[in-house]
Amino acid sequence: MTNVPPGTEILSQEECWELLKGATVGRLAVDVAGQPDIFPINFVVDGRAIVFRTAAGTKLAASVLMRHVAFEI
């Protein structure tokens, strides 16, 4: 990786999954009509998958149907 900003630490995939396992709340960002919509969500890590439960609506539709989706803790 080139042009890494100072103070940035590159993590391995394993380090990322370990950090995810230690958290319970994250943010799901989805693209709704070209604008970001961000939701706090509770989640768990199941193997190499991030799992959260939601009702029908924006979060579910956008995370399944749209290609611009981000998750962070």
N, C-alpha and C. Protein backbone atom coordinates (compact mmCIF):
# COMPACT_ATOMS: atom_id res chain seq x y z
N MET A 1 0.85 -1.17 0.00
CA MET A 1 0.00 0.00 0.00
C MET A 1 0.91 1.24 0.00
N THR A 2 0.59 2.21 -0.80
CA THR A 2 1.40 3.42 -0.87
C THR A 2 0.58 4.61 -0.39
N ASN A 3 1.28 5.71 -0.12
CA ASN A 3 0.64 6.95 0.31
C ASN A 3 -0.22 6.77 1.56
N VAL A 4 0.30 6.05 2.56
CA VAL A 4 -0.41 5.87 3.81
C VAL A 4 -0.18 7.11 4.67
N PRO A 5 -1.26 7.76 5.12
CA PRO A 5 -1.10 8.97 5.93
C PRO A 5 -0.34 8.68 7.23
N PRO A 6 0.44 9.64 7.71
CA PRO A 6 1.14 9.46 8.99
C PRO A 6 0.15 9.15 10.11
N GLY A 7 0.52 8.26 10.99
CA GLY A 7 -0.34 7.89 12.11
C GLY A 7 -1.32 6.78 11.78
N THR A 8 -1.33 6.32 10.53
CA THR A 8 -2.23 5.24 10.12
C THR A 8 -1.53 3.91 10.33
N GLU A 9 -2.24 2.97 10.89
CA GLU A 9 -1.69 1.63 11.11
C GLU A 9 -2.40 0.65 10.18
N ILE A 10 -1.62 -0.10 9.42
CA ILE A 10 -2.18 -1.12 8.53
C ILE A 10 -2.38 -2.39 9.35
N LEU A 11 -3.61 -2.90 9.35
CA LEU A 11 -3.94 -4.11 10.10
C LEU A 11 -4.11 -5.29 9.16
N SER A 12 -3.77 -6.46 9.65
CA SER A 12 -4.03 -7.68 8.89
C SER A 12 -5.52 -8.00 8.99
N GLN A 13 -5.99 -8.90 8.13
CA GLN A 13 -7.40 -9.30 8.21
C GLN A 13 -7.70 -9.92 9.57
N GLU A 14 -6.77 -10.72 10.07
CA GLU A 14 -6.98 -11.36 11.38
C GLU A 14 -7.10 -10.31 12.49
N GLU A 15 -6.26 -9.28 12.47
CA GLU A 15 -6.35 -8.22 13.46
C GLU A 15 -7.69 -7.49 13.37
N CYS A 16 -8.18 -7.27 12.16
CA CYS A 16 -9.48 -6.63 11.97
C CYS A 16 -10.61 -7.46 12.56
N TRP A 17 -10.61 -8.76 12.28
CA TRP A 17 -11.66 -9.62 12.81
C TRP A 17 -11.61 -9.68 14.34
N GLU A 18 -10.41 -9.69 14.92
CA GLU A 18 -10.29 -9.69 16.38
C GLU A 18 -10.86 -8.41 16.98
N LEU A 19 -10.59 -7.27 16.36
CA LEU A 19 -11.16 -6.01 16.84
C LEU A 19 -12.68 -6.02 16.72
N LEU A 20 -13.19 -6.54 15.62
CA LEU A 20 -14.65 -6.62 15.44
C LEU A 20 -15.29 -7.49 16.52
N LYS A 21 -14.64 -8.60 16.87
CA LYS A 21 -15.20 -9.50 17.89
C LYS A 21 -15.31 -8.83 19.25
N GLY A 22 -14.48 -7.82 19.50
CA GLY A 22 -14.50 -7.14 20.79
C GLY A 22 -15.50 -6.01 20.89
N ALA A 23 -16.24 -5.75 19.84
CA ALA A 23 -17.20 -4.65 19.83
C ALA A 23 -18.62 -5.19 19.69
N THR A 24 -19.60 -4.38 20.08
CA THR A 24 -21.00 -4.80 19.94
C THR A 24 -21.86 -3.78 19.21
N VAL A 25 -21.34 -2.56 19.06
CA VAL A 25 -22.09 -1.52 18.37
C VAL A 25 -21.25 -0.97 17.22
N GLY A 26 -21.89 -0.83 16.07
CA GLY A 26 -21.20 -0.28 14.91
C GLY A 26 -22.11 0.70 14.20
N ARG A 27 -21.65 1.15 13.04
CA ARG A 27 -22.46 2.05 12.22
C ARG A 27 -22.54 1.47 10.81
N LEU A 28 -23.74 1.44 10.29
CA LEU A 28 -23.99 1.00 8.93
C LEU A 28 -24.31 2.23 8.10
N ALA A 29 -23.53 2.45 7.06
CA ALA A 29 -23.76 3.58 6.16
C ALA A 29 -24.22 3.05 4.82
N VAL A 30 -25.32 3.58 4.33
CA VAL A 30 -25.87 3.14 3.04
C VAL A 30 -26.15 4.35 2.17
N ASP A 31 -26.24 4.12 0.90
CA ASP A 31 -26.52 5.16 -0.09
C ASP A 31 -28.03 5.16 -0.36
N VAL A 32 -28.68 6.27 -0.03
CA VAL A 32 -30.12 6.41 -0.27
C VAL A 32 -30.31 7.61 -1.19
N ALA A 33 -30.68 7.35 -2.41
CA ALA A 33 -30.90 8.41 -3.41
C ALA A 33 -29.67 9.30 -3.56
N GLY A 34 -28.49 8.68 -3.53
CA GLY A 34 -27.25 9.42 -3.72
C GLY A 34 -26.74 10.14 -2.49
N GLN A 35 -27.38 9.96 -1.35
CA GLN A 35 -26.97 10.60 -0.11
C GLN A 35 -26.69 9.53 0.94
N PRO A 36 -25.69 9.75 1.81
CA PRO A 36 -25.42 8.76 2.86
C PRO A 36 -26.49 8.80 3.94
N ASP A 37 -26.84 7.64 4.43
CA ASP A 37 -27.74 7.49 5.57
C ASP A 37 -27.01 6.56 6.53
N ILE A 38 -26.80 6.98 7.76
CA ILE A 38 -25.97 6.24 8.71
C ILE A 38 -26.80 5.85 9.92
N PHE A 39 -26.69 4.56 10.29
CA PHE A 39 -27.47 4.01 11.39
C PHE A 39 -26.57 3.34 12.41
N PRO A 40 -26.78 3.58 13.71
CA PRO A 40 -26.09 2.77 14.71
C PRO A 40 -26.76 1.39 14.74
N ILE A 41 -25.97 0.35 14.83
CA ILE A 41 -26.54 -1.00 14.89
C ILE A 41 -25.78 -1.86 15.89
N ASN A 42 -26.50 -2.78 16.53
CA ASN A 42 -25.88 -3.82 17.34
C ASN A 42 -25.54 -4.95 16.39
N PHE A 43 -24.42 -5.61 16.61
CA PHE A 43 -24.01 -6.69 15.72
C PHE A 43 -23.22 -7.74 16.48
N VAL A 44 -23.04 -8.89 15.87
CA VAL A 44 -22.15 -9.94 16.36
C VAL A 44 -21.31 -10.42 15.19
N VAL A 45 -20.18 -11.02 15.51
CA VAL A 45 -19.34 -11.64 14.49
C VAL A 45 -19.59 -13.14 14.58
N ASP A 46 -19.92 -13.75 13.46
CA ASP A 46 -20.16 -15.19 13.38
C ASP A 46 -19.17 -15.74 12.35
N GLY A 47 -18.07 -16.28 12.83
CA GLY A 47 -17.02 -16.75 11.91
C GLY A 47 -16.40 -15.55 11.22
N ARG A 48 -16.55 -15.47 9.92
CA ARG A 48 -16.05 -14.33 9.14
C ARG A 48 -17.22 -13.54 8.55
N ALA A 49 -18.30 -13.40 9.32
CA ALA A 49 -19.47 -12.64 8.88
C ALA A 49 -19.89 -11.68 9.99
N ILE A 50 -20.34 -10.51 9.60
CA ILE A 50 -20.93 -9.55 10.52
C ILE A 50 -22.44 -9.73 10.41
N VAL A 51 -23.09 -9.98 11.55
CA VAL A 51 -24.51 -10.29 11.55
C VAL A 51 -25.26 -9.24 12.37
N PHE A 52 -26.33 -8.70 11.79
CA PHE A 52 -27.21 -7.82 12.53
C PHE A 52 -28.64 -8.10 12.11
N ARG A 53 -29.56 -7.80 13.00
CA ARG A 53 -30.98 -8.04 12.72
C ARG A 53 -31.66 -6.70 12.55
N THR A 54 -32.54 -6.63 11.56
CA THR A 54 -33.29 -5.39 11.32
C THR A 54 -34.64 -5.73 10.71
N ALA A 55 -35.56 -4.83 10.84
CA ALA A 55 -36.87 -4.97 10.21
C ALA A 55 -36.78 -4.49 8.77
N ALA A 56 -37.81 -4.75 8.01
CA ALA A 56 -37.87 -4.25 6.64
C ALA A 56 -37.79 -2.73 6.67
N GLY A 57 -37.08 -2.17 5.71
CA GLY A 57 -36.94 -0.72 5.66
C GLY A 57 -35.63 -0.32 5.00
N THR A 58 -35.19 0.89 5.27
CA THR A 58 -34.02 1.47 4.61
C THR A 58 -32.77 0.65 4.80
N LYS A 59 -32.45 0.27 6.05
CA LYS A 59 -31.20 -0.46 6.31
C LYS A 59 -31.16 -1.77 5.54
N LEU A 60 -32.23 -2.53 5.61
CA LEU A 60 -32.26 -3.83 4.95
C LEU A 60 -32.22 -3.67 3.43
N ALA A 61 -33.06 -2.84 2.89
CA ALA A 61 -33.12 -2.67 1.43
C ALA A 61 -31.80 -2.16 0.88
N ALA A 62 -31.24 -1.14 1.51
CA ALA A 62 -30.00 -0.56 0.99
C ALA A 62 -28.83 -1.50 1.15
N SER A 63 -28.75 -2.23 2.26
CA SER A 63 -27.61 -3.12 2.47
C SER A 63 -27.66 -4.33 1.54
N VAL A 64 -28.84 -4.70 1.08
CA VAL A 64 -28.97 -5.85 0.18
C VAL A 64 -28.95 -5.42 -1.29
N LEU A 65 -29.60 -4.31 -1.61
CA LEU A 65 -29.79 -3.93 -3.01
C LEU A 65 -28.76 -2.93 -3.55
N MET A 66 -28.17 -2.15 -2.70
CA MET A 66 -27.26 -1.10 -3.17
C MET A 66 -25.82 -1.59 -3.15
N ARG A 67 -24.98 -0.96 -3.93
CA ARG A 67 -23.58 -1.37 -3.93
C ARG A 67 -22.71 -0.50 -3.06
N HIS A 68 -23.19 0.64 -2.61
CA HIS A 68 -22.41 1.51 -1.73
C HIS A 68 -22.88 1.34 -0.30
N VAL A 69 -22.18 0.46 0.42
CA VAL A 69 -22.50 0.16 1.82
C VAL A 69 -21.18 0.13 2.59
N ALA A 70 -21.18 0.71 3.78
CA ALA A 70 -19.98 0.68 4.62
C ALA A 70 -20.38 0.34 6.04
N PHE A 71 -19.47 -0.32 6.76
CA PHE A 71 -19.69 -0.66 8.15
C PHE A 71 -18.43 -0.29 8.92
N GLU A 72 -18.62 0.31 10.08
CA GLU A 72 -17.46 0.64 10.91
C GLU A 72 -17.78 0.48 12.37
N ILE A 73 -16.71 0.24 13.13
CA ILE A 73 -16.84 0.24 14.59
C ILE A 73 -15.91 1.31 15.12
